[in-house]
């Protein structure tokens, strides 16, 4: 389990680095740093929304991996009550985590868009 979480963490760090380069407008060429136009248009609200959405995406990715891991434990328990119970707990907690992530996504985007006067759009 630890190697899988390690690989997910490394993937998240590299992906966030790429996303941050796009966020500040540098893109693939770091020499553009002086003339970069931010992808978020310079608004702090939009920047906060973009950053929070990236973190929520990675939390959703981890929750999905945990659903797969819990399902694997549950299926391969082979009649062992302890293994089946552990798999069930992981599945339940992962499902609760996914629901919390979806609610927080909707809440953050609604609050940010309400402050700008635009209709909330997902």
C-alpha atoms as a PDB file:
ATOM      1  CA  UNK A   1       0.000   0.000   0.000  1.00  0.00           C
ATOM      2  CA  UNK A   2       2.834   2.399   0.827  1.00  0.00           C
ATOM      3  CA  UNK A   3       4.455   2.159  -2.646  1.00  0.00           C
ATOM      4  CA  UNK A   4       1.122   2.978  -4.291  1.00  0.00           C
ATOM      5  CA  UNK A   5       0.631   6.060  -2.111  1.00  0.00           C
ATOM      6  CA  UNK A   6       4.231   7.078  -2.807  1.00  0.00           C
ATOM      7  CA  UNK A   7       3.661   6.877  -6.550  1.00  0.00           C
ATOM      8  CA  UNK A   8       0.439   8.867  -6.213  1.00  0.00           C
ATOM      9  CA  UNK A   9       2.278  11.532  -4.190  1.00  0.00           C
ATOM     10  CA  UNK A  10       5.030  11.837  -6.823  1.00  0.00           C
ATOM     11  CA  UNK A  11       2.408  12.044  -9.593  1.00  0.00           C
ATOM     12  CA  UNK A  12       0.571  14.758  -7.662  1.00  0.00           C
ATOM     13  CA  UNK A  13       3.735  16.811  -7.179  1.00  0.00           C
ATOM     14  CA  UNK A  14       4.681  16.667 -10.859  1.00  0.00           C
ATOM     15  CA  UNK A  15       1.123  17.398 -11.960  1.00  0.00           C
ATOM     16  CA  UNK A  16       0.833  20.345  -9.596  1.00  0.00           C
ATOM     17  CA  UNK A  17       4.136  21.721 -10.910  1.00  0.00           C
ATOM     18  CA  UNK A  18       2.790  21.563 -14.471  1.00  0.00           C
ATOM     19  CA  UNK A  19      -0.532  23.049 -13.401  1.00  0.00           C
ATOM     20  CA  UNK A  20       1.235  25.847 -11.496  1.00  0.00           C
ATOM     21  CA  UNK A  21       3.285  26.704 -14.603  1.00  0.00           C
ATOM     22  CA  UNK A  22       0.050  26.992 -16.573  1.00  0.00           C
ATOM     23  CA  UNK A  23      -1.561  28.944 -13.740  1.00  0.00           C
ATOM     24  CA  UNK A  24       1.071  31.686 -13.811  1.00  0.00           C
ATOM     25  CA  UNK A  25       1.122  31.652 -17.620  1.00  0.00           C
ATOM     26  CA  UNK A  26       4.626  30.296 -18.204  1.00  0.00           C
ATOM     27  CA  UNK A  27       3.496  27.081 -19.908  1.00  0.00           C
ATOM     28  CA  UNK A  28       6.221  24.819 -21.299  1.00  0.00           C
ATOM     29  CA  UNK A  29       8.835  27.547 -21.723  1.00  0.00           C
ATOM     30  CA  UNK A  30      10.321  28.927 -18.473  1.00  0.00           C
ATOM     31  CA  UNK A  31      11.894  31.799 -20.438  1.00  0.00           C
ATOM     32  CA  UNK A  32       8.416  33.351 -20.707  1.00  0.00           C
ATOM     33  CA  UNK A  33       8.401  34.257 -17.010  1.00  0.00           C
ATOM     34  CA  UNK A  34       8.911  37.971 -17.681  1.00  0.00           C
ATOM     35  CA  UNK A  35       6.117  38.290 -20.244  1.00  0.00           C
ATOM     36  CA  UNK A  36       3.758  35.675 -18.809  1.00  0.00           C
ATOM     37  CA  UNK A  37       0.029  36.345 -18.739  1.00  0.00           C
ATOM     38  CA  UNK A  38      -1.667  34.370 -15.963  1.00  0.00           C
ATOM     39  CA  UNK A  39      -4.205  31.804 -17.126  1.00  0.00           C
ATOM     40  CA  UNK A  40      -6.500  32.940 -14.321  1.00  0.00           C
ATOM     41  CA  UNK A  41      -6.654  36.543 -15.524  1.00  0.00           C
ATOM     42  CA  UNK A  42      -5.013  38.071 -12.457  1.00  0.00           C
ATOM     43  CA  UNK A  43      -8.006  37.658 -10.141  1.00  0.00           C
ATOM     44  CA  UNK A  44      -7.237  36.323  -6.667  1.00  0.00           C
ATOM     45  CA  UNK A  45     -10.668  34.675  -6.465  1.00  0.00           C
ATOM     46  CA  UNK A  46     -10.069  32.741  -9.647  1.00  0.00           C
ATOM     47  CA  UNK A  47      -6.565  31.762  -8.551  1.00  0.00           C
ATOM     48  CA  UNK A  48      -7.902  30.433  -5.242  1.00  0.00           C
ATOM     49  CA  UNK A  49     -10.627  28.498  -7.052  1.00  0.00           C
ATOM     50  CA  UNK A  50      -8.135  26.951  -9.484  1.00  0.00           C
ATOM     51  CA  UNK A  51      -5.744  25.916  -6.698  1.00  0.00           C
ATOM     52  CA  UNK A  52      -8.522  24.463  -4.522  1.00  0.00           C
ATOM     53  CA  UNK A  53      -9.942  22.576  -7.503  1.00  0.00           C
ATOM     54  CA  UNK A  54      -6.529  21.016  -8.213  1.00  0.00           C
ATOM     55  CA  UNK A  55      -6.234  19.834  -4.610  1.00  0.00           C
ATOM     56  CA  UNK A  56      -9.779  18.459  -4.677  1.00  0.00           C
ATOM     57  CA  UNK A  57      -8.973  16.613  -7.897  1.00  0.00           C
ATOM     58  CA  UNK A  58      -6.000  14.900  -6.271  1.00  0.00           C
ATOM     59  CA  UNK A  59      -8.042  14.048  -3.177  1.00  0.00           C
ATOM     60  CA  UNK A  60     -10.629  12.481  -5.480  1.00  0.00           C
ATOM     61  CA  UNK A  61      -7.873  10.508  -7.183  1.00  0.00           C
ATOM     62  CA  UNK A  62      -6.655   9.171  -3.845  1.00  0.00           C
ATOM     63  CA  UNK A  63     -10.231   8.342  -2.769  1.00  0.00           C
ATOM     64  CA  UNK A  64     -10.787   6.439  -6.008  1.00  0.00           C
ATOM     65  CA  UNK A  65      -7.590   4.454  -5.460  1.00  0.00           C
ATOM     66  CA  UNK A  66      -8.768   3.637  -1.947  1.00  0.00           C
ATOM     67  CA  UNK A  67     -12.123   2.392  -3.315  1.00  0.00           C
ATOM     68  CA  UNK A  68     -10.231   0.060  -5.638  1.00  0.00           C
ATOM     69  CA  UNK A  69      -7.970  -1.098  -2.787  1.00  0.00           C
ATOM     70  CA  UNK A  70     -10.932  -1.680  -0.443  1.00  0.00           C
ATOM     71  CA  UNK A  71     -12.798  -3.608  -3.128  1.00  0.00           C
ATOM     72  CA  UNK A  72      -9.711  -5.724  -3.772  1.00  0.00           C
ATOM     73  CA  UNK A  73      -9.399  -6.527  -0.056  1.00  0.00           C
ATOM     74  CA  UNK A  74     -13.089  -7.360   0.192  1.00  0.00           C
ATOM     75  CA  UNK A  75     -13.089  -9.642  -2.849  1.00  0.00           C
ATOM     76  CA  UNK A  76      -9.849 -11.439  -1.972  1.00  0.00           C
ATOM     77  CA  UNK A  77     -10.737 -11.984   1.703  1.00  0.00           C
ATOM     78  CA  UNK A  78     -11.750 -15.557   0.847  1.00  0.00           C
ATOM     79  CA  UNK A  79     -14.195 -15.949   3.711  1.00  0.00           C
ATOM     80  CA  UNK A  80     -11.884 -14.333   6.248  1.00  0.00           C
ATOM     81  CA  UNK A  81     -14.101 -12.089   8.342  1.00  0.00           C
ATOM     82  CA  UNK A  82     -11.268  -9.750   9.362  1.00  0.00           C
ATOM     83  CA  UNK A  83     -10.222  -9.089   5.755  1.00  0.00           C
ATOM     84  CA  UNK A  84     -13.801  -8.611   4.615  1.00  0.00           C
ATOM     85  CA  UNK A  85     -14.479  -6.212   7.478  1.00  0.00           C
ATOM     86  CA  UNK A  86     -11.344  -4.204   6.686  1.00  0.00           C
ATOM     87  CA  UNK A  87     -12.347  -3.997   3.015  1.00  0.00           C
ATOM     88  CA  UNK A  88     -15.870  -2.867   3.950  1.00  0.00           C
ATOM     89  CA  UNK A  89     -14.529  -0.126   6.228  1.00  0.00           C
ATOM     90  CA  UNK A  90     -12.192   1.163   3.529  1.00  0.00           C
ATOM     91  CA  UNK A  91     -15.035   1.181   0.987  1.00  0.00           C
ATOM     92  CA  UNK A  92     -17.391   3.017   3.348  1.00  0.00           C
ATOM     93  CA  UNK A  93     -14.815   5.617   4.388  1.00  0.00           C
ATOM     94  CA  UNK A  94     -13.742   6.160   0.771  1.00  0.00           C
ATOM     95  CA  UNK A  95     -17.343   6.679  -0.318  1.00  0.00           C
ATOM     96  CA  UNK A  96     -17.843   9.197   2.500  1.00  0.00           C
ATOM     97  CA  UNK A  97     -14.623  10.917   1.412  1.00  0.00           C
ATOM     98  CA  UNK A  98     -15.807  11.166  -2.194  1.00  0.00           C
ATOM     99  CA  UNK A  99     -19.102  12.690  -1.047  1.00  0.00           C
ATOM    100  CA  UNK A 100     -17.237  15.243   1.094  1.00  0.00           C
ATOM    101  CA  UNK A 101     -14.963  16.105  -1.852  1.00  0.00           C
ATOM    102  CA  UNK A 102     -17.944  16.634  -4.176  1.00  0.00           C
ATOM    103  CA  UNK A 103     -19.759  18.806  -1.635  1.00  0.00           C
ATOM    104  CA  UNK A 104     -16.650  20.902  -0.979  1.00  0.00           C
ATOM    105  CA  UNK A 105     -16.114  21.346  -4.736  1.00  0.00           C
ATOM    106  CA  UNK A 106     -19.648  22.633  -5.147  1.00  0.00           C
ATOM    107  CA  UNK A 107     -19.388  24.831  -2.051  1.00  0.00           C
ATOM    108  CA  UNK A 108     -16.059  26.438  -3.004  1.00  0.00           C
ATOM    109  CA  UNK A 109     -17.136  27.152  -6.575  1.00  0.00           C
ATOM    110  CA  UNK A 110     -20.506  28.527  -5.471  1.00  0.00           C
ATOM    111  CA  UNK A 111     -18.953  30.848  -2.878  1.00  0.00           C
ATOM    112  CA  UNK A 112     -16.275  32.104  -5.282  1.00  0.00           C
ATOM    113  CA  UNK A 113     -18.743  32.712  -8.122  1.00  0.00           C
ATOM    114  CA  UNK A 114     -21.280  34.371  -5.818  1.00  0.00           C
ATOM    115  CA  UNK A 115     -18.694  36.980  -4.885  1.00  0.00           C
ATOM    116  CA  UNK A 116     -18.103  37.864  -8.533  1.00  0.00           C
ATOM    117  CA  UNK A 117     -21.767  38.291  -9.376  1.00  0.00           C
ATOM    118  CA  UNK A 118     -21.697  35.549 -12.016  1.00  0.00           C
ATOM    119  CA  UNK A 119     -24.014  32.572 -12.088  1.00  0.00           C
ATOM    120  CA  UNK A 120     -22.272  29.521 -10.570  1.00  0.00           C
ATOM    121  CA  UNK A 121     -21.219  27.209 -13.357  1.00  0.00           C
ATOM    122  CA  UNK A 122     -19.692  23.780 -13.019  1.00  0.00           C
END
